[in-house]
Amino acid sequence: RNEDPERYPPVIWEAKCRHLGCVSADGTVNYHMNSVPIQQEILVLRRESQHCPHSFRLEKMLVAVGCTCVT
């Protein structure tokens, strides 16, 4: 959970990999492979100034949207 009251949306949920290794079809963790986050670039609105509450600028942000296995 990524929270920032000066950003819209103020709360962005992010994925976290549960294991360092990868879970096989039978449910065991294989440490010969690595579980890594999948990053997605999104656009958010960032509040420009405290004195002008309706002024925002676009900002790019990387968020983790899932996990995948790599060797």
N, C-alpha and C. Protein backbone atom coordinates (compact mmCIF):
# COMPACT_ATOMS: atom_id res chain seq x y z
N ARG A 1 0.85 -1.17 0.00
CA ARG A 1 0.00 0.00 0.00
C ARG A 1 0.90 1.23 0.00
N ASN A 2 0.74 2.06 -1.01
CA ASN A 2 1.54 3.26 -1.17
C ASN A 2 0.61 4.45 -0.97
N GLU A 3 0.82 5.21 0.10
CA GLU A 3 -0.06 6.34 0.42
C GLU A 3 0.69 7.65 0.30
N ASP A 4 0.03 8.64 -0.30
CA ASP A 4 0.59 9.99 -0.42
C ASP A 4 -0.58 10.96 -0.55
N PRO A 5 -0.86 11.76 0.48
CA PRO A 5 -2.00 12.68 0.42
C PRO A 5 -1.83 13.81 -0.59
N GLU A 6 -0.61 14.03 -1.08
CA GLU A 6 -0.36 15.09 -2.06
C GLU A 6 -0.46 14.58 -3.50
N ARG A 7 -0.94 13.34 -3.66
CA ARG A 7 -1.04 12.70 -4.98
C ARG A 7 -2.48 12.25 -5.19
N TYR A 8 -2.91 12.21 -6.47
CA TYR A 8 -4.18 11.59 -6.81
C TYR A 8 -3.89 10.47 -7.80
N PRO A 9 -4.29 9.26 -7.50
CA PRO A 9 -5.01 8.83 -6.30
C PRO A 9 -4.08 8.79 -5.08
N PRO A 10 -4.62 9.07 -3.90
CA PRO A 10 -3.78 9.10 -2.70
C PRO A 10 -3.30 7.72 -2.25
N VAL A 11 -4.03 6.66 -2.62
CA VAL A 11 -3.63 5.29 -2.25
C VAL A 11 -3.49 4.46 -3.52
N ILE A 12 -2.33 3.82 -3.66
CA ILE A 12 -2.07 2.92 -4.78
C ILE A 12 -1.61 1.59 -4.19
N TRP A 13 -2.30 0.52 -4.55
CA TRP A 13 -1.93 -0.81 -4.05
C TRP A 13 -0.86 -1.39 -4.95
N GLU A 14 0.18 -1.97 -4.35
CA GLU A 14 1.27 -2.56 -5.10
C GLU A 14 1.44 -4.03 -4.72
N ALA A 15 1.84 -4.82 -5.72
CA ALA A 15 2.10 -6.25 -5.48
C ALA A 15 3.44 -6.42 -4.77
N LYS A 16 3.53 -7.46 -3.96
CA LYS A 16 4.80 -7.84 -3.33
C LYS A 16 4.97 -9.34 -3.55
N CYS A 17 6.16 -9.74 -3.96
CA CYS A 17 6.43 -11.16 -4.18
C CYS A 17 6.50 -11.86 -2.83
N ARG A 18 5.81 -12.98 -2.69
CA ARG A 18 5.75 -13.71 -1.42
C ARG A 18 7.02 -14.47 -1.10
N HIS A 19 7.71 -14.95 -2.13
CA HIS A 19 8.89 -15.79 -1.94
C HIS A 19 10.05 -15.25 -2.75
N LEU A 20 11.27 -15.61 -2.35
CA LEU A 20 12.45 -15.29 -3.17
C LEU A 20 12.50 -16.20 -4.38
N GLY A 21 12.09 -17.46 -4.18
CA GLY A 21 12.04 -18.43 -5.27
C GLY A 21 10.67 -18.44 -5.92
N CYS A 22 10.42 -19.44 -6.76
CA CYS A 22 9.15 -19.55 -7.47
C CYS A 22 8.37 -20.78 -6.99
N VAL A 23 7.07 -20.65 -6.91
CA VAL A 23 6.22 -21.74 -6.46
C VAL A 23 5.88 -22.62 -7.66
N SER A 24 6.16 -23.92 -7.52
CA SER A 24 5.89 -24.87 -8.61
C SER A 24 4.43 -25.29 -8.58
N ALA A 25 4.03 -26.09 -9.56
CA ALA A 25 2.64 -26.55 -9.67
C ALA A 25 2.20 -27.36 -8.46
N ASP A 26 3.14 -28.07 -7.81
CA ASP A 26 2.77 -28.87 -6.63
C ASP A 26 2.83 -28.06 -5.32
N GLY A 27 3.12 -26.75 -5.43
CA GLY A 27 3.10 -25.89 -4.24
C GLY A 27 4.42 -25.73 -3.52
N THR A 28 5.47 -26.37 -4.00
CA THR A 28 6.78 -26.22 -3.35
C THR A 28 7.53 -25.03 -3.96
N VAL A 29 8.42 -24.44 -3.16
CA VAL A 29 9.19 -23.28 -3.63
C VAL A 29 10.49 -23.76 -4.26
N ASN A 30 10.72 -23.34 -5.49
CA ASN A 30 11.92 -23.69 -6.24
C ASN A 30 12.89 -22.50 -6.15
N TYR A 31 14.01 -22.68 -5.44
CA TYR A 31 14.97 -21.60 -5.27
C TYR A 31 16.01 -21.53 -6.39
N HIS A 32 15.84 -22.37 -7.43
CA HIS A 32 16.71 -22.29 -8.61
C HIS A 32 16.23 -21.18 -9.54
N MET A 33 15.05 -20.64 -9.26
CA MET A 33 14.51 -19.51 -10.02
C MET A 33 14.20 -18.39 -9.03
N ASN A 34 14.11 -17.17 -9.53
CA ASN A 34 13.83 -16.01 -8.68
C ASN A 34 12.48 -15.42 -9.01
N SER A 35 11.76 -15.02 -7.98
CA SER A 35 10.50 -14.31 -8.15
C SER A 35 10.81 -12.81 -8.11
N VAL A 36 10.45 -12.09 -9.19
CA VAL A 36 10.75 -10.66 -9.29
C VAL A 36 9.47 -9.88 -9.61
N PRO A 37 9.38 -8.64 -9.15
CA PRO A 37 8.19 -7.84 -9.43
C PRO A 37 8.11 -7.42 -10.90
N ILE A 38 6.89 -7.32 -11.39
CA ILE A 38 6.61 -6.77 -12.72
C ILE A 38 6.25 -5.31 -12.50
N GLN A 39 7.02 -4.41 -13.11
CA GLN A 39 6.82 -2.97 -12.92
C GLN A 39 5.98 -2.40 -14.07
N GLN A 40 5.08 -1.49 -13.73
CA GLN A 40 4.26 -0.80 -14.72
C GLN A 40 4.35 0.70 -14.44
N GLU A 41 4.59 1.47 -15.48
CA GLU A 41 4.62 2.93 -15.32
C GLU A 41 3.20 3.47 -15.43
N ILE A 42 2.79 4.28 -14.47
CA ILE A 42 1.46 4.89 -14.49
C ILE A 42 1.60 6.40 -14.36
N LEU A 43 0.54 7.11 -14.70
CA LEU A 43 0.50 8.55 -14.51
C LEU A 43 -0.37 8.87 -13.31
N VAL A 44 0.12 9.75 -12.46
CA VAL A 44 -0.64 10.21 -11.30
C VAL A 44 -0.66 11.73 -11.33
N LEU A 45 -1.52 12.32 -10.54
CA LEU A 45 -1.57 13.78 -10.40
C LEU A 45 -0.91 14.17 -9.09
N ARG A 46 0.05 15.09 -9.16
CA ARG A 46 0.77 15.57 -7.98
C ARG A 46 0.32 17.00 -7.68
N ARG A 47 -0.07 17.26 -6.43
CA ARG A 47 -0.48 18.61 -6.04
C ARG A 47 0.71 19.56 -6.19
N GLU A 48 0.49 20.69 -6.84
CA GLU A 48 1.55 21.65 -7.12
C GLU A 48 1.96 22.45 -5.89
N SER A 49 0.99 22.96 -5.16
CA SER A 49 1.31 23.88 -4.08
C SER A 49 0.26 23.79 -2.98
N GLN A 50 0.67 24.05 -1.77
CA GLN A 50 -0.27 24.07 -0.64
C GLN A 50 -1.22 25.26 -0.75
N HIS A 51 -0.77 26.33 -1.40
CA HIS A 51 -1.58 27.56 -1.49
C HIS A 51 -2.66 27.48 -2.56
N CYS A 52 -2.52 26.53 -3.46
CA CYS A 52 -3.51 26.38 -4.54
C CYS A 52 -3.95 24.92 -4.58
N PRO A 53 -4.98 24.55 -3.81
CA PRO A 53 -5.36 23.14 -3.67
C PRO A 53 -5.88 22.48 -4.94
N HIS A 54 -6.19 23.27 -5.99
CA HIS A 54 -6.74 22.68 -7.21
C HIS A 54 -5.72 22.67 -8.35
N SER A 55 -4.45 22.88 -8.04
CA SER A 55 -3.40 22.88 -9.06
C SER A 55 -2.60 21.57 -8.98
N PHE A 56 -2.61 20.80 -10.08
CA PHE A 56 -1.92 19.52 -10.14
C PHE A 56 -1.03 19.45 -11.37
N ARG A 57 -0.04 18.57 -11.33
CA ARG A 57 0.77 18.28 -12.52
C ARG A 57 0.85 16.77 -12.69
N LEU A 58 0.99 16.33 -13.93
CA LEU A 58 1.13 14.90 -14.21
C LEU A 58 2.53 14.44 -13.80
N GLU A 59 2.58 13.24 -13.24
CA GLU A 59 3.86 12.68 -12.81
C GLU A 59 3.85 11.19 -13.14
N LYS A 60 4.97 10.68 -13.64
CA LYS A 60 5.11 9.24 -13.90
C LYS A 60 5.55 8.54 -12.63
N MET A 61 5.06 7.32 -12.46
CA MET A 61 5.37 6.55 -11.26
C MET A 61 5.45 5.07 -11.64
N LEU A 62 6.43 4.36 -11.11
CA LEU A 62 6.54 2.91 -11.32
C LEU A 62 5.88 2.18 -10.16
N VAL A 63 4.98 1.25 -10.48
CA VAL A 63 4.34 0.45 -9.44
C VAL A 63 4.49 -1.03 -9.79
N ALA A 64 4.59 -1.85 -8.77
CA ALA A 64 4.65 -3.30 -8.95
C ALA A 64 3.23 -3.83 -9.11
N VAL A 65 2.96 -4.48 -10.25
CA VAL A 65 1.61 -4.97 -10.53
C VAL A 65 1.48 -6.49 -10.43
N GLY A 66 2.58 -7.17 -10.23
CA GLY A 66 2.56 -8.63 -10.11
C GLY A 66 3.98 -9.14 -9.96
N CYS A 67 4.12 -10.46 -10.00
CA CYS A 67 5.44 -11.09 -9.90
C CYS A 67 5.57 -12.14 -11.00
N THR A 68 6.80 -12.39 -11.40
CA THR A 68 7.07 -13.41 -12.40
C THR A 68 8.36 -14.15 -12.02
N CYS A 69 8.56 -15.30 -12.62
CA CYS A 69 9.75 -16.11 -12.32
C CYS A 69 10.80 -15.92 -13.41
N VAL A 70 12.06 -15.76 -12.97
CA VAL A 70 13.18 -15.64 -13.90
C VAL A 70 14.30 -16.56 -13.43
N THR A 71 15.19 -16.91 -14.35
CA THR A 71 16.32 -17.78 -13.97
C THR A 71 17.50 -16.97 -13.52
